[in-house]
Amino acid sequence: MSQSKLEIQMLHDRLLVREIPEKGERRSSAGLVIPDTVKMATRLVWGEVCGAGTGARHVKTGDRVLFNPEDQSEVELHAERYLVLRERDIHAVANEAPERGTGLYL
């Protein structure tokens, strides 16, 4: 998190997540450019966990997580938009630096 530590403690299995914006245009597997303005079907998005309640067992602050943008509650703190999710709403946690090489990437 780039700013100072937030003065908020999440409860139970709640997570405070900041959505990671996608980088403009994308490319299809065939190499076609898909502009940012094209609305696709509901996609899962990546976010960074900025706070985790004491009941969160598999996710911790700083993790990069995959979630459905439809399952969210928004809150604004320090003029920045955050999402409040339950741990069960997280579909995956990215492992940026695996301890042992699995060869799997998210």
N, C-alpha and C. Protein backbone atom coordinates (compact mmCIF):
# COMPACT_ATOMS: atom_id res chain seq x y z
N MET A 1 0.84 -1.16 0.00
CA MET A 1 0.00 0.00 0.00
C MET A 1 0.89 1.23 0.00
N SER A 2 0.62 2.15 -0.90
CA SER A 2 1.49 3.29 -1.08
C SER A 2 1.31 4.36 -0.02
N GLN A 3 0.14 4.45 0.59
CA GLN A 3 -0.09 5.50 1.57
C GLN A 3 0.16 4.98 2.97
N SER A 4 -0.03 5.87 3.95
CA SER A 4 0.20 5.46 5.33
C SER A 4 -0.79 4.37 5.73
N LYS A 5 -0.48 3.69 6.81
CA LYS A 5 -1.31 2.59 7.29
C LYS A 5 -2.72 3.09 7.59
N LEU A 6 -3.73 2.35 7.13
CA LEU A 6 -5.11 2.73 7.38
C LEU A 6 -5.45 2.46 8.84
N GLU A 7 -6.28 3.32 9.41
CA GLU A 7 -6.68 3.18 10.80
C GLU A 7 -8.01 2.46 10.87
N ILE A 8 -8.03 1.22 10.37
CA ILE A 8 -9.25 0.44 10.35
C ILE A 8 -8.88 -1.02 10.58
N GLN A 9 -9.69 -1.72 11.39
CA GLN A 9 -9.47 -3.14 11.65
C GLN A 9 -10.67 -3.90 11.12
N MET A 10 -10.46 -4.75 10.15
CA MET A 10 -11.55 -5.56 9.60
C MET A 10 -11.90 -6.65 10.61
N LEU A 11 -13.17 -7.02 10.64
CA LEU A 11 -13.65 -8.02 11.59
C LEU A 11 -13.91 -9.35 10.90
N HIS A 12 -13.85 -10.41 11.67
CA HIS A 12 -14.18 -11.77 11.24
C HIS A 12 -13.41 -12.15 9.98
N ASP A 13 -14.11 -12.54 8.90
CA ASP A 13 -13.42 -12.97 7.68
C ASP A 13 -13.50 -11.89 6.60
N ARG A 14 -13.74 -10.64 6.99
CA ARG A 14 -13.87 -9.55 6.02
C ARG A 14 -12.50 -9.10 5.54
N LEU A 15 -12.45 -8.70 4.26
CA LEU A 15 -11.23 -8.22 3.63
C LEU A 15 -11.47 -6.83 3.05
N LEU A 16 -10.50 -5.96 3.17
CA LEU A 16 -10.52 -4.66 2.52
C LEU A 16 -9.60 -4.77 1.32
N VAL A 17 -10.17 -4.61 0.11
CA VAL A 17 -9.43 -4.87 -1.12
C VAL A 17 -9.43 -3.63 -2.01
N ARG A 18 -8.27 -3.32 -2.57
CA ARG A 18 -8.16 -2.25 -3.56
C ARG A 18 -8.04 -2.91 -4.92
N GLU A 19 -8.97 -2.58 -5.82
CA GLU A 19 -8.96 -3.18 -7.16
C GLU A 19 -7.74 -2.70 -7.93
N ILE A 20 -7.09 -3.63 -8.62
CA ILE A 20 -5.94 -3.30 -9.46
C ILE A 20 -6.48 -3.02 -10.86
N PRO A 21 -6.35 -1.77 -11.35
CA PRO A 21 -6.91 -1.45 -12.66
C PRO A 21 -6.21 -2.21 -13.79
N GLU A 22 -7.01 -2.60 -14.79
CA GLU A 22 -6.43 -3.28 -15.95
C GLU A 22 -5.69 -2.27 -16.80
N LYS A 23 -4.72 -2.75 -17.52
CA LYS A 23 -3.93 -1.89 -18.37
C LYS A 23 -4.60 -1.74 -19.74
N GLY A 24 -5.38 -0.70 -19.94
CA GLY A 24 -5.96 -0.34 -21.23
C GLY A 24 -6.39 -1.49 -22.10
N GLU A 25 -5.80 -1.58 -23.26
CA GLU A 25 -6.21 -2.60 -24.23
C GLU A 25 -5.58 -3.96 -23.94
N ARG A 26 -6.25 -5.00 -24.41
CA ARG A 26 -5.78 -6.37 -24.23
C ARG A 26 -5.58 -7.00 -25.60
N ARG A 27 -4.95 -8.15 -25.64
CA ARG A 27 -4.78 -8.90 -26.88
C ARG A 27 -5.42 -10.26 -26.73
N SER A 28 -6.12 -10.69 -27.79
CA SER A 28 -6.71 -12.03 -27.78
C SER A 28 -5.62 -13.05 -28.04
N SER A 29 -5.94 -14.32 -27.90
CA SER A 29 -4.95 -15.37 -28.14
C SER A 29 -4.51 -15.40 -29.60
N ALA A 30 -5.34 -14.86 -30.50
CA ALA A 30 -4.99 -14.79 -31.92
C ALA A 30 -4.20 -13.53 -32.26
N GLY A 31 -3.97 -12.65 -31.26
CA GLY A 31 -3.19 -11.45 -31.49
C GLY A 31 -4.01 -10.22 -31.83
N LEU A 32 -5.34 -10.33 -31.81
CA LEU A 32 -6.19 -9.17 -32.09
C LEU A 32 -6.21 -8.24 -30.89
N VAL A 33 -6.16 -6.93 -31.16
CA VAL A 33 -6.19 -5.94 -30.10
C VAL A 33 -7.64 -5.70 -29.70
N ILE A 34 -7.92 -5.80 -28.40
CA ILE A 34 -9.25 -5.54 -27.85
C ILE A 34 -9.15 -4.24 -27.07
N PRO A 35 -9.78 -3.14 -27.58
CA PRO A 35 -9.66 -1.86 -26.90
C PRO A 35 -10.31 -1.88 -25.51
N ASP A 36 -9.89 -0.95 -24.68
CA ASP A 36 -10.39 -0.83 -23.31
C ASP A 36 -11.88 -0.50 -23.29
N THR A 37 -12.41 0.10 -24.35
CA THR A 37 -13.81 0.52 -24.39
C THR A 37 -14.78 -0.63 -24.64
N VAL A 38 -14.30 -1.79 -25.06
CA VAL A 38 -15.16 -2.94 -25.33
C VAL A 38 -15.61 -3.54 -24.00
N LYS A 39 -16.93 -3.67 -23.84
CA LYS A 39 -17.49 -4.26 -22.62
C LYS A 39 -17.62 -5.77 -22.82
N MET A 40 -16.91 -6.52 -22.02
CA MET A 40 -16.94 -7.98 -22.09
C MET A 40 -17.94 -8.49 -21.06
N ALA A 41 -18.23 -9.77 -21.13
CA ALA A 41 -19.07 -10.40 -20.12
C ALA A 41 -18.39 -10.22 -18.76
N THR A 42 -19.12 -10.42 -17.71
CA THR A 42 -18.55 -10.24 -16.37
C THR A 42 -17.27 -11.06 -16.24
N ARG A 43 -16.21 -10.36 -15.88
CA ARG A 43 -14.90 -10.99 -15.73
C ARG A 43 -14.47 -10.89 -14.28
N LEU A 44 -13.67 -11.83 -13.87
CA LEU A 44 -13.06 -11.74 -12.56
C LEU A 44 -11.94 -10.71 -12.64
N VAL A 45 -11.68 -10.01 -11.56
CA VAL A 45 -10.66 -8.97 -11.54
C VAL A 45 -9.68 -9.22 -10.40
N TRP A 46 -8.50 -8.62 -10.51
CA TRP A 46 -7.46 -8.74 -9.50
C TRP A 46 -7.53 -7.56 -8.55
N GLY A 47 -7.18 -7.79 -7.31
CA GLY A 47 -7.12 -6.74 -6.31
C GLY A 47 -6.05 -7.04 -5.29
N GLU A 48 -5.70 -6.01 -4.51
CA GLU A 48 -4.70 -6.16 -3.46
C GLU A 48 -5.40 -6.05 -2.11
N VAL A 49 -5.12 -6.98 -1.22
CA VAL A 49 -5.73 -6.98 0.10
C VAL A 49 -5.01 -5.93 0.95
N CYS A 50 -5.76 -4.96 1.43
CA CYS A 50 -5.20 -3.87 2.25
C CYS A 50 -5.50 -4.06 3.73
N GLY A 51 -6.38 -4.99 4.04
CA GLY A 51 -6.71 -5.29 5.43
C GLY A 51 -7.45 -6.60 5.50
N ALA A 52 -7.19 -7.39 6.53
CA ALA A 52 -7.85 -8.69 6.69
C ALA A 52 -8.26 -8.86 8.15
N GLY A 53 -9.47 -9.38 8.34
CA GLY A 53 -9.97 -9.64 9.69
C GLY A 53 -9.26 -10.82 10.32
N THR A 54 -9.43 -10.97 11.62
CA THR A 54 -8.75 -12.05 12.34
C THR A 54 -9.26 -13.43 11.96
N GLY A 55 -10.46 -13.51 11.37
CA GLY A 55 -11.02 -14.80 10.97
C GLY A 55 -10.60 -15.24 9.57
N ALA A 56 -9.89 -14.38 8.84
CA ALA A 56 -9.41 -14.76 7.50
C ALA A 56 -8.28 -15.76 7.66
N ARG A 57 -8.46 -16.96 7.09
CA ARG A 57 -7.49 -18.04 7.29
C ARG A 57 -6.49 -18.20 6.16
N HIS A 58 -6.89 -17.87 4.92
CA HIS A 58 -6.03 -18.16 3.77
C HIS A 58 -5.53 -16.91 3.07
N VAL A 59 -5.98 -15.75 3.48
CA VAL A 59 -5.63 -14.49 2.83
C VAL A 59 -5.07 -13.55 3.88
N LYS A 60 -4.02 -12.81 3.51
CA LYS A 60 -3.43 -11.85 4.43
C LYS A 60 -3.19 -10.52 3.71
N THR A 61 -2.94 -9.49 4.47
CA THR A 61 -2.67 -8.17 3.91
C THR A 61 -1.49 -8.25 2.95
N GLY A 62 -1.66 -7.63 1.78
CA GLY A 62 -0.60 -7.63 0.77
C GLY A 62 -0.79 -8.67 -0.31
N ASP A 63 -1.67 -9.65 -0.10
CA ASP A 63 -1.92 -10.68 -1.11
C ASP A 63 -2.62 -10.08 -2.32
N ARG A 64 -2.36 -10.66 -3.48
CA ARG A 64 -3.06 -10.31 -4.72
C ARG A 64 -4.13 -11.38 -4.93
N VAL A 65 -5.40 -10.95 -5.01
CA VAL A 65 -6.51 -11.90 -5.04
C VAL A 65 -7.38 -11.69 -6.27
N LEU A 66 -8.07 -12.77 -6.67
CA LEU A 66 -8.98 -12.76 -7.82
C LEU A 66 -10.40 -12.88 -7.28
N PHE A 67 -11.29 -11.97 -7.73
CA PHE A 67 -12.66 -11.98 -7.23
C PHE A 67 -13.62 -11.48 -8.30
N ASN A 68 -14.91 -11.73 -8.07
CA ASN A 68 -15.96 -11.29 -8.98
C ASN A 68 -16.34 -9.85 -8.61
N PRO A 69 -16.28 -8.91 -9.55
CA PRO A 69 -16.58 -7.52 -9.21
C PRO A 69 -18.05 -7.29 -8.84
N GLU A 70 -18.92 -8.26 -9.12
CA GLU A 70 -20.34 -8.12 -8.76
C GLU A 70 -20.57 -8.38 -7.27
N ASP A 71 -19.68 -9.12 -6.61
CA ASP A 71 -19.81 -9.47 -5.19
C ASP A 71 -19.05 -8.48 -4.33
N GLN A 72 -19.50 -7.24 -4.28
CA GLN A 72 -18.70 -6.25 -3.58
C GLN A 72 -19.55 -5.20 -2.89
N SER A 73 -18.98 -4.61 -1.88
CA SER A 73 -19.52 -3.43 -1.21
C SER A 73 -18.40 -2.40 -1.23
N GLU A 74 -18.71 -1.19 -1.65
CA GLU A 74 -17.68 -0.17 -1.77
C GLU A 74 -17.62 0.72 -0.54
N VAL A 75 -16.42 1.22 -0.27
CA VAL A 75 -16.22 2.19 0.79
C VAL A 75 -15.10 3.12 0.32
N GLU A 76 -15.18 4.38 0.69
CA GLU A 76 -14.14 5.34 0.31
C GLU A 76 -13.41 5.77 1.57
N LEU A 77 -12.09 5.60 1.56
CA LEU A 77 -11.23 5.99 2.67
C LEU A 77 -10.09 6.82 2.13
N HIS A 78 -9.87 7.98 2.72
CA HIS A 78 -8.79 8.87 2.28
C HIS A 78 -8.87 9.13 0.78
N ALA A 79 -10.08 9.37 0.28
CA ALA A 79 -10.35 9.68 -1.14
C ALA A 79 -9.93 8.55 -2.09
N GLU A 80 -9.87 7.33 -1.59
CA GLU A 80 -9.56 6.18 -2.44
C GLU A 80 -10.65 5.13 -2.26
N ARG A 81 -11.02 4.46 -3.36
CA ARG A 81 -12.11 3.48 -3.36
C ARG A 81 -11.57 2.09 -2.97
N TYR A 82 -12.23 1.46 -2.01
CA TYR A 82 -11.90 0.12 -1.57
C TYR A 82 -13.16 -0.74 -1.64
N LEU A 83 -12.98 -2.04 -1.64
CA LEU A 83 -14.09 -2.99 -1.64
C LEU A 83 -14.02 -3.82 -0.36
N VAL A 84 -15.18 -4.15 0.18
CA VAL A 84 -15.24 -5.03 1.35
C VAL A 84 -15.81 -6.36 0.88
N LEU A 85 -15.03 -7.41 1.05
CA LEU A 85 -15.41 -8.75 0.62
C LEU A 85 -15.28 -9.72 1.78
N ARG A 86 -15.95 -10.85 1.67
CA ARG A 86 -15.73 -11.96 2.62
C ARG A 86 -14.67 -12.85 2.02
N GLU A 87 -13.95 -13.55 2.86
CA GLU A 87 -12.89 -14.43 2.36
C GLU A 87 -13.45 -15.48 1.40
N ARG A 88 -14.66 -15.95 1.63
CA ARG A 88 -15.24 -16.96 0.75
C ARG A 88 -15.55 -16.42 -0.65
N ASP A 89 -15.57 -15.08 -0.84
CA ASP A 89 -15.81 -14.49 -2.15
C ASP A 89 -14.55 -14.42 -3.01
N ILE A 90 -13.42 -14.78 -2.44
CA ILE A 90 -12.14 -14.78 -3.16
C ILE A 90 -12.01 -16.10 -3.91
N HIS A 91 -11.69 -16.03 -5.21
CA HIS A 91 -11.56 -17.23 -6.02
C HIS A 91 -10.13 -17.78 -6.05
N ALA A 92 -9.13 -16.90 -5.91
CA ALA A 92 -7.74 -17.36 -5.96
C ALA A 92 -6.83 -16.32 -5.31
N VAL A 93 -5.69 -16.79 -4.85
CA VAL A 93 -4.64 -15.92 -4.32
C VAL A 93 -3.40 -16.16 -5.17
N ALA A 94 -2.84 -15.08 -5.71
CA ALA A 94 -1.65 -15.20 -6.56
C ALA A 94 -0.42 -15.37 -5.68
N ASN A 95 0.46 -16.24 -6.10
CA ASN A 95 1.72 -16.46 -5.41
C ASN A 95 2.81 -15.89 -6.29
N GLU A 96 3.23 -14.67 -6.00
CA GLU A 96 4.20 -13.95 -6.83
C GLU A 96 5.58 -14.62 -6.81
N ALA A 97 5.99 -15.10 -5.64
CA ALA A 97 7.32 -15.70 -5.52
C ALA A 97 7.17 -17.06 -4.84
N PRO A 98 6.85 -18.11 -5.60
CA PRO A 98 6.65 -19.42 -4.97
C PRO A 98 7.92 -19.92 -4.31
N GLU A 99 7.75 -20.55 -3.16
CA GLU A 99 8.90 -21.11 -2.44
C GLU A 99 9.49 -22.29 -3.17
N ARG A 100 8.64 -23.07 -3.80
CA ARG A 100 9.12 -24.18 -4.61
C ARG A 100 8.48 -24.04 -5.98
N GLY A 101 9.21 -24.29 -7.02
CA GLY A 101 8.73 -24.09 -8.37
C GLY A 101 7.65 -25.05 -8.78
N THR A 102 6.44 -24.55 -9.06
CA THR A 102 5.35 -25.40 -9.49
C THR A 102 5.12 -25.30 -10.98
N GLY A 103 5.58 -24.18 -11.60
CA GLY A 103 5.35 -23.99 -13.02
C GLY A 103 3.95 -23.49 -13.34
N LEU A 104 3.15 -23.19 -12.30
CA LEU A 104 1.81 -22.69 -12.50
C LEU A 104 1.76 -21.18 -12.37
N TYR A 105 0.98 -20.54 -13.22
CA TYR A 105 0.85 -19.08 -13.17
C TYR A 105 -0.61 -18.73 -13.20
N LEU A 106 -0.99 -17.67 -12.50
CA LEU A 106 -2.36 -17.16 -12.52
C LEU A 106 -2.40 -15.95 -13.42
